[in-house]
Amino acid sequence: MPTLLPHAAAVAGLLPLLFAACSTPAADSGGMRSVADGETFAMAAGEQVALADRSTLRYVRVTNDSRCKPGRQCVWAGDAEVVFEWSADAAGTPESFSLHTGRGDRSRDLGGRRLTLVSLADGAEPEAQLKLETLP
């Protein structure tokens, strides 16, 4: 009965290469992570991503965070304003806009797509969960 150990060693040697290939940004997105239409994705403050139409989205910062802190009881949940910049193309001037967790707009149309703020983590520079959808 043949042993599988040499095959397992060969596969184990290839795993780091597979993981590196999967985590490498697409070459045509200028080194940025690409986000596909219909995708829910996370962004960190300061991060920039490329959208399918070659536009870019940057998560600038959180301002006016009045959300109820974890472990506390509050009269209302509060609101946080998340500031983004969107550029239709590489030569375009970025358009600044905000999305909100409570009061205010949770979505913004960006050239044929809708960006929605799904959730915002707690902390000084919270991660934002976003959804990108193609408009009908």
C-alpha atoms as a PDB file:
ATOM      1  CA  MET A   1       0.000   0.000   0.000  1.00  0.00           C
ATOM      2  CA  PRO A   2       1.617   3.318  -1.073  1.00  0.00           C
ATOM      3  CA  THR A   3       2.142   6.055   1.491  1.00  0.00           C
ATOM      4  CA  LEU A   4       0.556   9.473   1.023  1.00  0.00           C
ATOM      5  CA  LEU A   5       3.209  11.312   2.996  1.00  0.00           C
ATOM      6  CA  PRO A   6       5.266  12.537  -0.016  1.00  0.00           C
ATOM      7  CA  HIS A   7       2.084  13.902  -1.627  1.00  0.00           C
ATOM      8  CA  ALA A   8       1.020  15.605   1.598  1.00  0.00           C
ATOM      9  CA  ALA A   9       4.440  17.242   1.886  1.00  0.00           C
ATOM     10  CA  ALA A  10       4.192  18.515  -1.694  1.00  0.00           C
ATOM     11  CA  VAL A  11       0.719  19.966  -1.083  1.00  0.00           C
ATOM     12  CA  ALA A  12       1.838  21.530   2.202  1.00  0.00           C
ATOM     13  CA  GLY A  13       4.717  23.183   0.348  1.00  0.00           C
ATOM     14  CA  LEU A  14       2.302  24.744  -2.152  1.00  0.00           C
ATOM     15  CA  LEU A  15      -0.145  26.148   0.422  1.00  0.00           C
ATOM     16  CA  PRO A  16       1.862  29.316   1.183  1.00  0.00           C
ATOM     17  CA  LEU A  17       2.010  30.083  -2.546  1.00  0.00           C
ATOM     18  CA  LEU A  18      -1.755  29.601  -2.906  1.00  0.00           C
ATOM     19  CA  PHE A  19      -2.481  31.916   0.027  1.00  0.00           C
ATOM     20  CA  ALA A  20      -0.104  34.550  -1.332  1.00  0.00           C
ATOM     21  CA  ALA A  21      -1.781  34.417  -4.734  1.00  0.00           C
ATOM     22  CA  CYS A  22      -5.235  34.818  -3.196  1.00  0.00           C
ATOM     23  CA  SER A  23      -4.205  37.817  -1.114  1.00  0.00           C
ATOM     24  CA  THR A  24      -2.350  39.681  -3.865  1.00  0.00           C
ATOM     25  CA  PRO A  25      -4.244  42.760  -5.138  1.00  0.00           C
ATOM     26  CA  ALA A  26      -5.283  42.801  -8.763  1.00  0.00           C
ATOM     27  CA  ALA A  27      -2.623  44.339 -10.992  1.00  0.00           C
ATOM     28  CA  ASP A  28      -5.048  46.635 -12.824  1.00  0.00           C
ATOM     29  CA  SER A  29      -6.360  48.219  -9.612  1.00  0.00           C
ATOM     30  CA  GLY A  30      -3.096  50.015  -8.827  1.00  0.00           C
ATOM     31  CA  GLY A  31      -2.327  47.770  -5.857  1.00  0.00           C
ATOM     32  CA  MET A  32      -5.725  48.377  -4.245  1.00  0.00           C
ATOM     33  CA  ARG A  33      -8.136  45.672  -3.239  1.00  0.00           C
ATOM     34  CA  SER A  34     -10.967  45.341  -5.773  1.00  0.00           C
ATOM     35  CA  VAL A  35     -14.607  45.153  -4.701  1.00  0.00           C
ATOM     36  CA  ALA A  36     -17.138  43.402  -6.935  1.00  0.00           C
ATOM     37  CA  ASP A  37     -20.730  44.487  -7.467  1.00  0.00           C
ATOM     38  CA  GLY A  38     -23.067  42.703  -5.046  1.00  0.00           C
ATOM     39  CA  GLU A  39     -20.313  42.247  -2.459  1.00  0.00           C
ATOM     40  CA  THR A  40     -20.477  43.014   1.260  1.00  0.00           C
ATOM     41  CA  PHE A  41     -17.012  44.039   2.434  1.00  0.00           C
ATOM     42  CA  ALA A  42     -15.110  45.605   5.326  1.00  0.00           C
ATOM     43  CA  MET A  43     -12.986  48.749   5.213  1.00  0.00           C
ATOM     44  CA  ALA A  44     -10.621  50.233   7.757  1.00  0.00           C
ATOM     45  CA  ALA A  45     -10.180  53.976   8.249  1.00  0.00           C
ATOM     46  CA  GLY A  46      -7.799  55.334   5.604  1.00  0.00           C
ATOM     47  CA  GLU A  47      -8.266  52.343   3.284  1.00  0.00           C
ATOM     48  CA  GLN A  48      -9.020  52.780  -0.419  1.00  0.00           C
ATOM     49  CA  VAL A  49     -10.613  50.198  -2.723  1.00  0.00           C
ATOM     50  CA  ALA A  50     -11.205  49.958  -6.469  1.00  0.00           C
ATOM     51  CA  LEU A  51     -14.743  49.364  -7.736  1.00  0.00           C
ATOM     52  CA  ALA A  52     -15.657  47.346 -10.851  1.00  0.00           C
ATOM     53  CA  ASP A  53     -16.008  50.482 -13.009  1.00  0.00           C
ATOM     54  CA  ARG A  54     -12.449  51.578 -12.048  1.00  0.00           C
ATOM     55  CA  SER A  55     -13.719  54.276  -9.712  1.00  0.00           C
ATOM     56  CA  THR A  56     -12.245  54.384  -6.207  1.00  0.00           C
ATOM     57  CA  LEU A  57     -13.696  54.636  -2.735  1.00  0.00           C
ATOM     58  CA  ARG A  58     -11.752  55.785   0.335  1.00  0.00           C
ATOM     59  CA  TYR A  59     -12.897  55.534   3.961  1.00  0.00           C
ATOM     60  CA  VAL A  60     -11.681  58.836   5.412  1.00  0.00           C
ATOM     61  CA  ARG A  61     -12.783  58.872   9.078  1.00  0.00           C
ATOM     62  CA  VAL A  62     -15.639  58.744  11.590  1.00  0.00           C
ATOM     63  CA  THR A  63     -16.993  62.029  12.909  1.00  0.00           C
ATOM     64  CA  ASN A  64     -19.701  62.936  15.398  1.00  0.00           C
ATOM     65  CA  ASP A  65     -19.920  59.498  17.031  1.00  0.00           C
ATOM     66  CA  SER A  66     -22.714  59.739  19.605  1.00  0.00           C
ATOM     67  CA  ARG A  67     -23.533  56.017  19.617  1.00  0.00           C
ATOM     68  CA  CYS A  68     -24.274  54.321  22.912  1.00  0.00           C
ATOM     69  CA  LYS A  69     -21.075  52.746  24.268  1.00  0.00           C
ATOM     70  CA  PRO A  70     -21.009  48.946  24.777  1.00  0.00           C
ATOM     71  CA  GLY A  71     -22.278  47.859  28.196  1.00  0.00           C
ATOM     72  CA  ARG A  72     -24.257  51.052  28.807  1.00  0.00           C
ATOM     73  CA  GLN A  73     -27.975  51.723  28.725  1.00  0.00           C
ATOM     74  CA  CYS A  74     -28.919  54.737  26.656  1.00  0.00           C
ATOM     75  CA  VAL A  75     -32.156  56.531  25.869  1.00  0.00           C
ATOM     76  CA  TRP A  76     -31.386  56.240  22.143  1.00  0.00           C
ATOM     77  CA  ALA A  77     -28.797  54.334  20.099  1.00  0.00           C
ATOM     78  CA  GLY A  78     -27.092  57.484  18.812  1.00  0.00           C
ATOM     79  CA  ASP A  79     -25.475  58.086  15.445  1.00  0.00           C
ATOM     80  CA  ALA A  80     -22.040  58.049  13.872  1.00  0.00           C
ATOM     81  CA  GLU A  81     -21.145  59.847  10.661  1.00  0.00           C
ATOM     82  CA  VAL A  82     -18.679  58.024   8.406  1.00  0.00           C
ATOM     83  CA  VAL A  83     -16.889  60.202   5.835  1.00  0.00           C
ATOM     84  CA  PHE A  84     -15.902  58.735   2.433  1.00  0.00           C
ATOM     85  CA  GLU A  85     -14.362  60.024  -0.776  1.00  0.00           C
ATOM     86  CA  TRP A  86     -15.342  58.655  -4.198  1.00  0.00           C
ATOM     87  CA  SER A  87     -13.482  59.334  -7.446  1.00  0.00           C
ATOM     88  CA  ALA A  88     -15.167  58.424 -10.716  1.00  0.00           C
ATOM     89  CA  ASP A  89     -11.758  57.967 -12.383  1.00  0.00           C
ATOM     90  CA  ALA A  90      -8.039  58.374 -11.677  1.00  0.00           C
ATOM     91  CA  ALA A  91      -7.979  61.977 -12.942  1.00  0.00           C
ATOM     92  CA  GLY A  92     -11.193  63.041 -11.207  1.00  0.00           C
ATOM     93  CA  THR A  93     -11.501  65.203  -8.125  1.00  0.00           C
ATOM     94  CA  PRO A  94     -12.722  63.128  -5.156  1.00  0.00           C
ATOM     95  CA  GLU A  95     -16.318  63.704  -4.098  1.00  0.00           C
ATOM     96  CA  SER A  96     -16.738  63.722  -0.310  1.00  0.00           C
ATOM     97  CA  PHE A  97     -19.904  62.344   1.310  1.00  0.00           C
ATOM     98  CA  SER A  98     -21.071  60.866   4.603  1.00  0.00           C
ATOM     99  CA  LEU A  99     -23.110  57.841   5.611  1.00  0.00           C
ATOM    100  CA  HIS A 100     -24.778  57.450   9.021  1.00  0.00           C
ATOM    101  CA  THR A 101     -25.460  54.589  11.407  1.00  0.00           C
ATOM    102  CA  GLY A 102     -28.661  56.131  12.780  1.00  0.00           C
ATOM    103  CA  ARG A 103     -30.156  59.419  11.676  1.00  0.00           C
ATOM    104  CA  GLY A 104     -29.227  60.427   8.164  1.00  0.00           C
ATOM    105  CA  ASP A 105     -28.479  58.613   4.936  1.00  0.00           C
ATOM    106  CA  ARG A 106     -27.186  55.034   5.167  1.00  0.00           C
ATOM    107  CA  SER A 107     -26.786  54.768   1.361  1.00  0.00           C
ATOM    108  CA  ARG A 108     -25.302  56.775  -1.485  1.00  0.00           C
ATOM    109  CA  ASP A 109     -25.520  56.304  -5.246  1.00  0.00           C
ATOM    110  CA  LEU A 110     -22.119  56.303  -6.927  1.00  0.00           C
ATOM    111  CA  GLY A 111     -22.321  56.290 -10.710  1.00  0.00           C
ATOM    112  CA  GLY A 112     -24.665  53.352 -11.273  1.00  0.00           C
ATOM    113  CA  ARG A 113     -23.988  51.629  -7.945  1.00  0.00           C
ATOM    114  CA  ARG A 114     -25.414  52.005  -4.468  1.00  0.00           C
ATOM    115  CA  LEU A 115     -23.098  51.938  -1.448  1.00  0.00           C
ATOM    116  CA  THR A 116     -24.785  51.107   1.868  1.00  0.00           C
ATOM    117  CA  LEU A 117     -23.302  51.304   5.359  1.00  0.00           C
ATOM    118  CA  VAL A 118     -24.329  47.976   6.897  1.00  0.00           C
ATOM    119  CA  SER A 119     -22.636  48.429  10.288  1.00  0.00           C
ATOM    120  CA  LEU A 120     -19.833  50.224  12.093  1.00  0.00           C
ATOM    121  CA  ALA A 121     -17.697  48.593  14.791  1.00  0.00           C
ATOM    122  CA  ASP A 122     -16.841  50.321  18.069  1.00  0.00           C
ATOM    123  CA  GLY A 123     -13.511  51.971  18.805  1.00  0.00           C
ATOM    124  CA  ALA A 124     -11.344  54.929  17.843  1.00  0.00           C
ATOM    125  CA  GLU A 125     -10.948  53.863  14.178  1.00  0.00           C
ATOM    126  CA  PRO A 126     -13.819  51.427  13.679  1.00  0.00           C
ATOM    127  CA  GLU A 127     -14.106  49.046  10.764  1.00  0.00           C
ATOM    128  CA  ALA A 128     -17.066  49.733   8.458  1.00  0.00           C
ATOM    129  CA  GLN A 129     -19.105  46.946   6.856  1.00  0.00           C
ATOM    130  CA  LEU A 130     -20.414  48.082   3.476  1.00  0.00           C
ATOM    131  CA  LYS A 131     -22.514  46.650   0.648  1.00  0.00           C
ATOM    132  CA  LEU A 132     -22.091  47.594  -3.005  1.00  0.00           C
ATOM    133  CA  GLU A 133     -25.012  46.930  -5.348  1.00  0.00           C
ATOM    134  CA  THR A 134     -25.666  47.693  -9.014  1.00  0.00           C
ATOM    135  CA  LEU A 135     -28.620  50.029  -9.516  1.00  0.00           C
ATOM    136  CA  PRO A 136     -31.501  48.691 -11.651  1.00  0.00           C
END
